[in-house]
Protein backbone atom coordinates (compact mmCIF):
# COMPACT_ATOMS: atom_id res chain seq x y z
CA UNK A 1 175.35 153.80 130.92
CA UNK A 2 174.64 151.50 133.72
CA UNK A 3 171.42 151.24 135.45
CA UNK A 4 171.57 151.85 139.30
CA UNK A 5 171.28 148.87 140.98
CA UNK A 6 168.76 147.63 142.83
CA UNK A 7 169.89 146.99 146.36
CA UNK A 8 168.93 144.14 148.30
CA UNK A 9 169.19 143.57 151.86
CA UNK A 10 171.72 140.42 152.14
CA UNK A 11 170.98 139.36 156.10
CA UNK A 12 166.70 139.74 155.33
CA UNK A 13 166.95 137.60 152.06
CA UNK A 14 169.26 135.01 154.32
CA UNK A 15 166.97 134.78 157.13
CA UNK A 16 164.14 134.59 155.05
CA UNK A 17 165.89 130.97 153.53
CA UNK A 18 166.57 129.94 156.90
CA UNK A 19 163.58 130.10 157.95
CA UNK A 20 161.96 127.98 154.88
CA UNK A 21 164.46 125.58 156.22
CA UNK A 22 166.49 125.57 152.72
CA UNK A 23 169.54 124.04 152.69
CA UNK A 24 172.80 125.86 153.03
CA UNK A 25 173.92 125.13 149.82
CA UNK A 26 171.06 125.85 148.42
CA UNK A 27 170.42 129.10 149.98
CA UNK A 28 173.69 130.42 148.83
CA UNK A 29 172.84 129.45 145.34
CA UNK A 30 170.04 131.57 145.35
CA UNK A 31 172.16 134.46 147.35
CA UNK A 32 174.31 134.43 144.07
CA UNK A 33 171.23 134.81 141.60
CA UNK A 34 169.55 137.52 143.89
CA UNK A 35 172.85 139.28 143.82
CA UNK A 36 173.34 138.65 139.99
CA UNK A 37 169.73 140.11 139.63
CA UNK A 38 169.99 143.13 141.40
CA UNK A 39 173.86 144.46 140.16
CA UNK A 40 174.41 146.02 137.01
CA UNK A 41 177.17 144.35 134.62
CA UNK A 42 180.70 144.70 135.75
CA UNK A 43 182.35 147.51 133.66
CA UNK A 44 185.67 146.00 131.59
CA UNK A 45 188.80 146.65 132.83
CA UNK A 46 191.25 149.12 131.14
CA UNK A 47 194.58 147.96 130.74
CA UNK A 48 196.92 151.56 131.08
CA UNK A 49 200.16 149.62 131.46
CA UNK A 50 201.51 146.36 129.42
CA UNK A 51 202.77 143.43 132.12
CA UNK A 52 206.60 144.28 132.14
CA UNK A 53 209.60 141.47 132.07
CA UNK A 54 209.78 140.55 136.17
CA UNK A 55 206.22 141.25 136.87
CA UNK A 56 205.65 137.23 137.55
CA UNK A 57 208.06 136.85 140.03
CA UNK A 58 206.86 139.87 141.67
CA UNK A 59 203.74 139.42 141.48
CA UNK A 60 204.57 135.78 143.42
CA UNK A 61 206.43 137.37 146.43
CA UNK A 62 203.93 140.04 146.51
CA UNK A 63 200.44 137.70 146.90
CA UNK A 64 202.68 135.48 149.80
CA UNK A 65 203.28 138.31 151.70
CA UNK A 66 199.85 139.48 151.50
CA UNK A 67 198.03 135.98 152.07
CA UNK A 68 199.33 135.66 155.61
CA UNK A 69 197.05 138.67 156.48
CA UNK A 70 194.50 137.88 158.74
CA UNK A 71 191.28 139.14 158.12
CA UNK A 72 189.39 141.59 159.91
CA UNK A 73 187.36 140.06 162.51
CA UNK A 74 183.23 140.06 162.06
CA UNK A 75 183.29 142.03 158.79
CA UNK A 76 182.22 140.94 155.38
CA UNK A 77 185.40 141.99 153.92
CA UNK A 78 187.41 139.92 156.10
CA UNK A 79 185.17 136.68 156.60
CA UNK A 80 184.87 136.77 152.62
CA UNK A 81 188.44 137.00 151.93
CA UNK A 82 188.04 139.32 149.59
CA UNK A 83 190.48 142.32 149.28
CA UNK A 84 191.23 143.41 146.18
CA UNK A 85 193.73 140.78 144.37
CA UNK A 86 194.38 143.04 141.54
CA UNK A 87 196.06 145.41 143.81
CA UNK A 88 198.81 143.04 143.93
CA UNK A 89 199.64 143.08 140.24
CA UNK A 90 200.63 145.75 137.71
CA UNK A 91 197.69 146.17 135.74
CA UNK A 92 195.78 148.71 137.56
CA UNK A 93 191.95 148.92 136.61
CA UNK A 94 189.31 151.64 136.84
CA UNK A 95 188.00 150.25 139.92
CA UNK A 96 190.81 150.60 141.86
CA UNK A 97 191.73 154.00 140.78
CA UNK A 98 189.19 155.15 143.97
CA UNK A 99 188.93 154.20 147.91
CA UNK A 100 186.95 150.72 147.59
CA UNK A 101 183.78 151.50 149.52
CA UNK A 102 181.77 149.12 151.14
CA UNK A 103 179.27 147.40 149.35
CA UNK A 104 175.42 146.86 150.49
CA UNK A 105 176.23 143.14 151.32
CA UNK A 106 179.02 144.16 153.56
CA UNK A 107 176.72 146.33 155.41
CA UNK A 108 173.74 144.25 155.69
CA UNK A 109 175.14 140.92 156.86
CA UNK A 110 177.18 142.79 159.56
CA UNK A 111 173.42 143.06 161.02
CA UNK A 112 174.30 139.82 162.19
CA UNK A 113 176.84 140.33 165.26
CA UNK A 114 179.44 138.39 166.94
CA UNK A 115 179.62 136.61 163.50
CA UNK A 116 182.95 134.01 164.15
CA UNK A 117 186.24 134.32 162.32
CA UNK A 118 185.90 132.68 158.59
CA UNK A 119 189.03 130.37 159.66
CA UNK A 120 186.93 128.26 161.10
CA UNK A 121 184.99 127.24 158.29
CA UNK A 122 187.67 125.65 156.55
CA UNK A 123 188.73 123.45 159.59
CA UNK A 124 187.31 120.23 160.54
CA UNK A 125 185.09 120.44 163.27
CA UNK A 126 187.29 118.73 166.64
CA UNK A 127 186.75 115.49 167.22
CA UNK A 128 184.95 114.89 164.10
CA UNK A 129 185.72 111.60 161.68
CA UNK A 130 188.70 112.07 159.41
CA UNK A 131 186.94 111.95 155.92
CA UNK A 132 190.04 111.19 153.77
CA UNK A 133 189.83 107.69 154.33
CA UNK A 134 190.55 105.18 151.30
CA UNK A 135 187.28 103.43 152.05
CA UNK A 136 183.67 105.44 150.01
CA UNK A 137 182.02 103.72 152.88
CA UNK A 138 184.08 105.67 155.36
CA UNK A 139 183.75 108.71 153.59
CA UNK A 140 179.84 109.29 153.60
CA UNK A 141 180.15 108.34 157.58
CA UNK A 142 181.98 110.47 158.24
CA UNK A 143 180.13 113.35 156.52
CA UNK A 144 177.40 112.92 158.98
CA UNK A 145 178.45 115.71 161.49
CA UNK A 146 179.49 118.57 158.32
CA UNK A 147 179.31 118.49 154.78
CA UNK A 148 182.43 120.79 153.69
CA UNK A 149 182.00 123.21 151.25
CA UNK A 150 184.58 124.43 148.72
CA UNK A 151 184.51 128.51 148.58
CA UNK A 152 184.66 129.95 145.29
CA UNK A 153 186.77 133.26 145.10
CA UNK A 154 184.59 134.74 142.68
CA UNK A 155 181.35 134.82 145.27
CA UNK A 156 180.80 138.03 146.26
CA UNK A 157 179.44 136.36 149.47
CA UNK A 158 181.44 133.08 150.17
CA UNK A 159 179.02 129.88 151.24
CA UNK A 160 181.23 129.72 154.50
CA UNK A 161 179.90 132.86 155.79
CA UNK A 162 175.88 131.79 154.66
CA UNK A 163 176.53 128.60 157.05
CA UNK A 164 178.20 130.82 159.59
CA UNK A 165 174.88 132.99 159.63
CA UNK A 166 172.43 129.94 159.77
CA UNK A 167 174.29 128.03 162.30
CA UNK A 168 174.02 131.71 164.70
CA UNK A 169 170.02 131.79 163.72
CA UNK A 170 169.76 127.77 164.68
CA UNK A 171 171.86 128.24 168.03
CA UNK A 172 169.22 131.02 168.68
CA UNK A 173 166.20 128.81 168.14
CA UNK A 174 167.42 125.83 170.07
CA UNK A 175 168.01 127.98 172.76
CA UNK A 176 164.79 128.42 173.14
CA UNK A 177 163.54 124.98 172.42
CA UNK A 178 161.39 123.70 175.39
CA UNK A 179 162.88 120.27 176.11
CA UNK A 180 159.63 118.84 176.46
CA UNK A 181 158.15 120.24 173.52
CA UNK A 182 160.54 119.23 170.39
CA UNK A 183 159.94 119.76 167.35
CA UNK A 184 161.70 116.85 164.95
CA UNK A 185 161.67 117.85 161.33
CA UNK A 186 163.24 121.51 162.92
CA UNK A 187 165.81 119.65 164.59
CA UNK A 188 166.74 117.73 161.81
CA UNK A 189 167.15 120.68 159.74
CA UNK A 190 169.36 122.45 162.54
CA UNK A 191 171.75 119.25 162.82
CA UNK A 192 172.36 119.37 159.15
CA UNK A 193 173.88 122.89 158.90
CA UNK A 194 177.11 122.74 160.72
CA UNK A 195 178.97 120.25 163.32
CA UNK A 196 178.23 122.47 166.34
CA UNK A 197 174.49 122.28 165.35
CA UNK A 198 174.75 118.92 164.70
CA UNK A 199 176.17 118.37 168.53
CA UNK A 200 173.72 120.24 170.01
CA UNK A 201 171.05 118.81 168.10
CA UNK A 202 172.20 115.51 169.33
CA UNK A 203 171.44 116.64 173.54
CA UNK A 204 167.72 116.55 173.04
CA UNK A 205 165.75 114.00 174.16
CA UNK A 206 163.07 112.74 171.57
CA UNK A 207 159.47 111.79 172.25
CA UNK A 208 159.94 108.75 170.09
CA UNK A 209 157.96 105.53 171.03
CA UNK A 210 158.49 103.85 167.78
CA UNK A 211 160.58 104.14 164.59
CA UNK A 212 160.90 102.87 161.15
CA UNK A 213 162.80 102.70 158.30
CA UNK A 214 160.79 102.27 154.44
CA UNK A 215 162.89 101.63 151.61
CA UNK A 216 161.26 102.50 148.43
CA UNK A 217 162.52 101.81 144.67
CA UNK A 218 162.96 105.57 144.64
CA UNK A 219 162.75 107.24 148.12
CA UNK A 220 162.98 106.65 151.35
CA UNK A 221 160.19 106.63 154.25
CA UNK A 222 160.88 107.24 157.94
CA UNK A 223 157.82 106.78 160.40
CA UNK A 224 157.97 107.84 163.85
CA UNK A 225 155.07 107.53 166.67
CA UNK A 226 155.58 109.80 169.52
CA UNK A 227 154.52 108.72 172.82
CA UNK A 228 151.03 109.56 171.67
CA UNK A 229 151.25 107.08 168.79
CA UNK A 230 150.34 110.07 166.95
CA UNK A 231 152.79 109.60 163.57
CA UNK A 232 154.91 111.71 161.52
CA UNK A 233 156.30 110.52 157.82
CA UNK A 234 159.43 111.77 156.63
CA UNK A 235 160.07 111.10 152.71
CA UNK A 236 163.46 111.95 151.17
CA UNK A 237 163.26 111.82 147.12
CA UNK A 238 166.06 113.01 144.93
CA UNK A 239 166.27 116.86 144.58
CA UNK A 240 168.30 119.41 144.07
CA UNK A 241 167.80 120.75 147.41
CA UNK A 242 170.12 117.76 148.89
CA UNK A 243 173.33 119.78 148.47
CA UNK A 244 174.51 117.18 146.28
CA UNK A 245 174.31 114.41 148.48
CA UNK A 246 172.31 110.98 147.64
CA UNK A 247 169.07 111.14 149.38
CA UNK A 248 169.49 107.57 150.69
CA UNK A 249 172.72 108.97 152.64
CA UNK A 250 170.57 111.56 153.94
CA UNK A 251 167.78 109.18 155.23
CA UNK A 252 170.44 106.93 156.69
CA UNK A 253 171.58 110.28 158.60
CA UNK A 254 168.44 111.28 160.05
CA UNK A 255 167.64 107.42 160.87
CA UNK A 256 170.56 107.26 162.85
CA UNK A 257 170.29 111.16 164.27
CA UNK A 258 166.74 110.03 165.95
CA UNK A 259 167.60 106.22 166.85
CA UNK A 260 170.92 107.23 169.18
CA UNK A 261 168.71 110.21 170.83
CA UNK A 262 169.47 110.64 174.50
CA UNK A 263 167.25 108.34 176.65
CA UNK A 264 165.23 106.69 173.99
CA UNK A 265 163.30 103.81 174.78
CA UNK A 266 161.61 102.66 171.91
CA UNK A 267 158.84 100.13 171.92
CA UNK A 268 159.27 99.22 168.37
CA UNK A 269 162.04 99.47 165.68
CA UNK A 270 161.58 98.04 161.98
CA UNK A 271 163.31 97.72 158.88
CA UNK A 272 161.27 97.27 155.94
CA UNK A 273 161.49 97.15 152.01
CA UNK A 274 158.24 98.52 150.57
CA UNK A 275 156.23 95.90 148.30
CA UNK A 276 156.85 95.27 144.80
CA UNK A 277 154.80 97.56 142.77
CA UNK A 278 153.45 97.13 138.70
CA UNK A 279 155.57 100.09 137.81
CA UNK A 280 158.63 98.99 139.44
CA UNK A 281 161.80 97.52 137.36
CA UNK A 282 162.09 93.52 137.65
CA UNK A 283 164.62 93.76 139.72
CA UNK A 284 165.53 93.88 143.61
CA UNK A 285 165.77 97.35 145.65
CA UNK A 286 169.15 99.06 146.43
CA UNK A 287 169.13 98.69 150.48
CA UNK A 288 172.65 99.95 150.69
CA UNK A 289 171.95 102.67 153.17
CA UNK A 290 171.83 100.22 156.29
CA UNK A 291 175.39 100.17 155.31
CA UNK A 292 175.56 103.49 156.23
CA UNK A 293 173.93 103.44 159.33
CA UNK A 294 175.71 100.66 160.57
CA UNK A 295 178.94 102.44 160.07
CA UNK A 296 177.49 105.32 162.21
CA UNK A 297 176.18 102.90 164.87
CA UNK A 298 179.86 101.19 164.86
CA UNK A 299 181.68 104.52 164.57
CA UNK A 300 179.48 106.39 167.29
CA UNK A 301 177.27 104.34 169.92
CA UNK A 302 178.40 101.75 172.24
CA UNK A 303 177.21 97.99 171.88
CA UNK A 304 174.36 97.32 174.13
CA UNK A 305 173.38 100.93 174.52
CA UNK A 306 169.86 101.10 172.67
CA UNK A 307 166.57 100.22 174.58
CA UNK A 308 164.01 98.36 172.59
CA UNK A 309 161.42 96.05 173.48
CA UNK A 310 160.80 94.36 169.85
CA UNK A 311 162.86 94.61 166.24
CA UNK A 312 160.87 93.68 163.18
CA UNK A 313 163.36 93.45 159.70
CA UNK A 314 162.85 91.95 156.48
CA UNK A 315 165.66 90.61 154.55
CA UNK A 316 165.81 90.85 151.06
CA UNK A 317 167.21 87.30 148.74
CA UNK A 318 169.66 89.73 146.03
CA UNK A 319 172.69 88.19 148.02
CA UNK A 320 171.48 84.74 146.84
CA UNK A 321 169.45 85.32 143.32
CA UNK A 322 171.92 88.76 142.31
CA UNK A 323 173.21 88.71 139.15
CA UNK A 324 176.40 89.08 138.60
CA UNK A 325 178.36 91.03 142.49
CA UNK A 326 176.06 89.59 144.89
CA UNK A 327 175.87 92.39 147.09
CA UNK A 328 175.22 92.22 151.07
CA UNK A 329 171.64 93.09 151.88
CA UNK A 330 171.65 91.76 155.54
CA UNK A 331 172.69 93.76 158.27
CA UNK A 332 170.55 92.45 160.95
CA UNK A 333 173.65 90.69 163.20
CA UNK A 334 175.31 93.88 163.32
CA UNK A 335 172.34 95.89 164.11
CA UNK A 336 171.76 93.92 167.18
CA UNK A 337 174.80 94.27 168.50
CA UNK A 338 173.83 97.99 169.64
CA UNK A 339 170.09 96.77 171.84
CA UNK A 340 170.31 95.86 175.45
CA UNK A 341 170.07 92.52 175.81
CA UNK A 342 166.99 91.10 177.74
CA UNK A 343 165.32 94.61 176.93
CA UNK A 344 165.33 93.32 173.55
CA UNK A 345 162.30 90.96 173.44
CA UNK A 346 161.15 90.34 170.70
CA UNK A 347 162.22 89.20 167.02
CA UNK A 348 159.65 90.31 163.69
CA UNK A 349 161.53 88.53 160.49
CA UNK A 350 160.18 88.40 157.06
CA UNK A 351 161.78 88.22 153.72
CA UNK A 352 160.53 90.59 150.69
CA UNK A 353 158.45 89.10 148.56
CA UNK A 354 160.47 89.19 145.33
CA UNK A 355 158.04 86.63 143.37
CA UNK A 356 157.99 88.93 140.34
CA UNK A 357 161.39 89.22 139.90
CA UNK A 358 162.84 85.91 140.47
CA UNK A 359 160.18 84.25 137.92
CA UNK A 360 161.56 87.38 135.32
CA UNK A 361 163.61 85.98 132.06
CA UNK A 362 166.29 87.56 133.92
CA UNK A 363 166.81 85.56 137.01
CA UNK A 364 164.91 82.35 135.72
CA UNK A 365 168.46 80.82 135.37
CA UNK A 366 169.78 82.21 139.13
CA UNK A 367 166.22 80.67 140.47
CA UNK A 368 166.69 77.28 139.12
CA UNK A 369 170.27 77.28 140.04
CA UNK A 370 169.64 78.26 143.56
CA UNK A 371 166.58 75.50 143.89
CA UNK A 372 168.66 72.72 142.44
CA UNK A 373 171.68 73.74 145.16
CA UNK A 374 168.73 73.86 147.81
CA UNK A 375 169.09 77.34 148.61
CA UNK A 376 166.22 78.80 147.85
CA UNK A 377 164.87 79.74 151.46
CA UNK A 378 166.32 82.69 153.73
CA UNK A 379 169.20 81.72 155.75
CA UNK A 380 168.76 83.49 159.07
CA UNK A 381 172.34 84.27 159.18
CA UNK A 382 174.64 85.09 161.93
CA UNK A 383 171.86 86.95 164.45
CA UNK A 384 171.38 83.56 166.33
CA UNK A 385 175.19 83.77 167.32
CA UNK A 386 174.21 86.99 169.49
CA UNK A 387 173.45 87.36 173.12
CA UNK A 388 170.27 89.75 172.68
CA UNK A 389 169.15 86.81 169.94
CA UNK A 390 169.69 84.02 173.01
CA UNK A 391 168.49 86.51 175.78
CA UNK A 392 165.29 87.39 173.65
CA UNK A 393 161.65 85.35 174.78
CA UNK A 394 159.84 85.77 171.45
CA UNK A 395 159.85 85.01 167.43
CA UNK A 396 157.75 85.99 164.72
CA UNK A 397 158.80 84.52 161.81
CA UNK A 398 155.47 84.16 159.57
CA UNK A 399 157.09 83.89 156.44
CA UNK A 400 156.87 81.20 153.88
CA UNK A 401 160.50 81.84 153.16
CA UNK A 402 161.94 81.04 156.06
CA UNK A 403 164.26 77.66 156.67
CA UNK A 404 163.08 76.83 160.28
CA UNK A 405 166.24 76.32 162.07
CA UNK A 406 164.98 74.46 165.00
CA UNK A 407 167.67 74.35 167.03
CA UNK A 408 168.19 78.55 166.48
CA UNK A 409 164.60 78.72 168.23
CA UNK A 410 166.12 76.99 171.37
CA UNK A 411 166.08 80.04 173.50
CA UNK A 412 162.90 81.49 172.47
CA UNK A 413 159.54 80.49 174.77
CA UNK A 414 156.87 82.08 172.11
CA UNK A 415 157.10 81.25 168.14
CA UNK A 416 154.25 82.88 165.83
CA UNK A 417 154.80 80.96 162.50
CA UNK A 418 153.03 80.80 159.36
CA UNK A 419 152.31 77.23 158.94
CA UNK A 420 153.36 74.02 160.55
CA UNK A 421 153.92 70.56 158.81
CA UNK A 422 153.21 67.06 161.45
CA UNK A 423 157.77 66.87 160.76
CA UNK A 424 157.71 70.32 162.10
CA UNK A 425 155.73 69.47 164.85
CA UNK A 426 157.96 65.97 165.53
CA UNK A 427 161.17 67.78 165.47
CA UNK A 428 159.76 70.87 167.23
CA UNK A 429 159.76 69.07 170.27
CA UNK A 430 162.17 67.27 170.03
CA UNK A 431 165.01 69.94 168.63
CA UNK A 432 163.54 73.12 170.55
CA UNK A 433 164.37 71.33 174.52
CA UNK A 434 167.08 72.25 176.08
CA UNK A 435 168.60 72.27 180.09
CA UNK A 436 167.76 75.93 179.52
CA UNK A 437 164.15 75.58 179.00
CA UNK A 438 161.10 74.07 180.39
CA UNK A 439 158.42 75.07 178.01
CA UNK A 440 157.29 76.62 174.91
CA UNK A 441 154.48 77.89 172.72
CA UNK A 442 153.99 77.59 168.75
CA UNK A 443 151.07 79.78 167.24
CA UNK A 444 150.33 79.16 163.53
CA UNK A 445 148.32 80.79 160.76
CA UNK A 446 147.27 78.24 159.01
CA UNK A 447 145.50 75.39 160.56
CA UNK A 448 147.29 71.96 161.28
CA UNK A 449 146.43 68.95 159.64
CA UNK A 450 144.90 66.44 162.03
CA UNK A 451 145.67 63.21 160.05
CA UNK A 452 149.38 64.56 159.44
CA UNK A 453 150.01 64.66 163.04
CA UNK A 454 148.24 61.35 164.02
CA UNK A 455 150.47 59.54 161.33
CA UNK A 456 153.57 61.42 162.15
CA UNK A 457 153.61 61.33 166.34
CA UNK A 458 151.79 57.96 167.16
CA UNK A 459 154.33 55.38 167.06
CA UNK A 460 156.98 57.73 169.17
CA UNK A 461 154.63 58.43 171.95
CA UNK A 462 151.42 58.44 173.52
CA UNK A 463 147.75 60.43 172.60
CA UNK A 464 145.63 61.36 175.03
CA UNK A 465 143.00 60.03 173.02
CA UNK A 466 142.76 56.79 170.86
CA UNK A 467 144.22 57.76 167.19
CA UNK A 468 141.40 55.28 165.92
CA UNK A 469 138.48 56.27 167.50
CA UNK A 470 135.68 59.13 166.34
CA UNK A 471 136.71 61.03 169.16
CA UNK A 472 140.27 61.69 168.07
CA UNK A 473 139.91 65.77 167.35
CA UNK A 474 141.83 68.55 168.67
CA UNK A 475 142.71 69.72 170.76
CA UNK A 476 145.16 66.90 171.79
CA UNK A 477 147.59 65.96 174.78
CA UNK A 478 150.56 64.07 173.03
CA UNK A 479 153.16 62.78 175.93
CA UNK A 480 156.66 61.46 174.94
CA UNK A 481 159.10 59.86 177.43
CA UNK A 482 162.87 60.54 176.72
CA UNK A 483 165.96 58.22 178.03
CA UNK A 484 167.51 60.64 179.64
CA UNK A 485 164.58 61.11 182.04
CA UNK A 486 162.55 63.46 180.68
CA UNK A 487 159.29 63.49 179.39
CA UNK A 488 157.57 66.02 176.66
CA UNK A 489 153.70 67.10 177.16
CA UNK A 490 152.72 68.41 173.62
CA UNK A 491 149.03 69.97 174.00
CA UNK A 492 148.11 70.34 170.38
CA UNK A 493 144.99 72.65 168.84
CA UNK A 494 144.44 73.78 165.46
CA UNK A 495 146.39 76.77 165.81
CA UNK A 496 148.59 76.00 168.82
CA UNK A 497 151.26 73.93 169.53
CA UNK A 498 152.42 73.88 173.13
CA UNK A 499 154.72 72.30 174.49
CA UNK A 500 156.21 71.05 178.36
CA UNK A 501 159.17 69.30 179.69
CA UNK A 502 159.17 67.60 183.17
CA UNK A 503 161.42 65.49 185.12
CA UNK A 504 160.47 61.95 186.19
CA UNK A 505 160.24 61.97 190.41
CA UNK A 506 163.74 60.05 190.87
CA UNK A 507 162.33 58.81 194.66
CA UNK A 508 159.25 57.38 192.69
CA UNK A 509 160.96 55.60 189.99
CA UNK A 510 163.50 53.92 192.70
CA UNK A 511 160.22 52.46 194.64
CA UNK A 512 159.41 51.11 192.06
CA UNK A 513 162.48 49.08 191.03
CA UNK A 514 162.94 48.14 194.91
CA UNK A 515 158.84 46.81 195.10
CA UNK A 516 160.09 44.96 191.89
């Protein structure tokens, strides 16, 4: 004889999981376990009559007729589409020999009023991107608003109902949030419940001043600074709580959600790859989540719409040294298109330190080939063609691997570098100047070499001090006159090169000619 079941309150059980911020899929899984634990093993059905000929056709017709029945609104029985399938066939069972009583879970879940009909769970959210595309990336991007769940016909309480309950609770909670006191972690949880919750969560203005994405080998960090410069760190690891979604994808979704907050005005936005650690495998860090972020930006954000002052970006050279198929790793030119020109004032560029990786046995041949072909330094890519790059005023490339393409830097008024050779000083003062700019400054971390500067420049212009004098030392002024009438004046100190250009007074020049 079966032991009586230990009744649990399913509505209370689900509310508790919701308030613990458990994802829908995990909550449904825990509910299934709880139901199995609290109920006795089902009795085996007693077969009274054998199946007669022609039953299959009759079953098919009856099933088709009954499948068009609409579930009762606000009913757990209707929501679960859990009508007695066996009543449509000719195999009567003991449990259907009497009128079916309402189960405990049917009564408990109905404590939550005004539940919408279950059909909405199987529908795509209105206006949401279609996920049935040939591109895997498009499918991932399309799942940002809502992850589709497939109901199991054997579940007493379907996962669709769990989502409905969570959505109802989240909407009630979001309605009570004070707009000037927003909990970002809570909003990220609400966003993940359903398309409706996502749209509501996206309407909140978030108090974010700085935002940074840090990609580690086995997890991802999102760092958030609020307007008081207080730091919040979110970590994304591989976990069974991720509803079967890769942690990189979840991180990309949440980062995008934060980035596209209405009215956001960021002082700084950063994309960084965590430094190599001794325990790490000798290979490059996977940065493919950047592709997901770019896909979301293209799909849901207008270009030139994000208010940002400074953009920090770290390159990976896997597209140079990668083994076999070299993945794309540089997304800077696509990310920057969504920033407002002129508001974006500063670019900070770095390259991930891959010294240990490229010098390992696995990459040694690739490194030798790249050096032989002159491709071992980091190119700046297509970002220099964007309007955002051309309208910015400051560039920070204090990095030993980034190539100094001086013609790419013509629009910046201040450039910070790790080092500057005498040849660089010469090239900078000739290549950086054009009709759009009358002055610029280069700041260097490592001190300039005085003798090298002297050797490189003394034959193409004039120093303010005699190069052969004992007093020839920093600071120096160097002047060079061009044939087009421009005069370059370069003030040089041990860590600073400041170049200004001025036009020769044409009237004074003409008077001098007349007097002669």
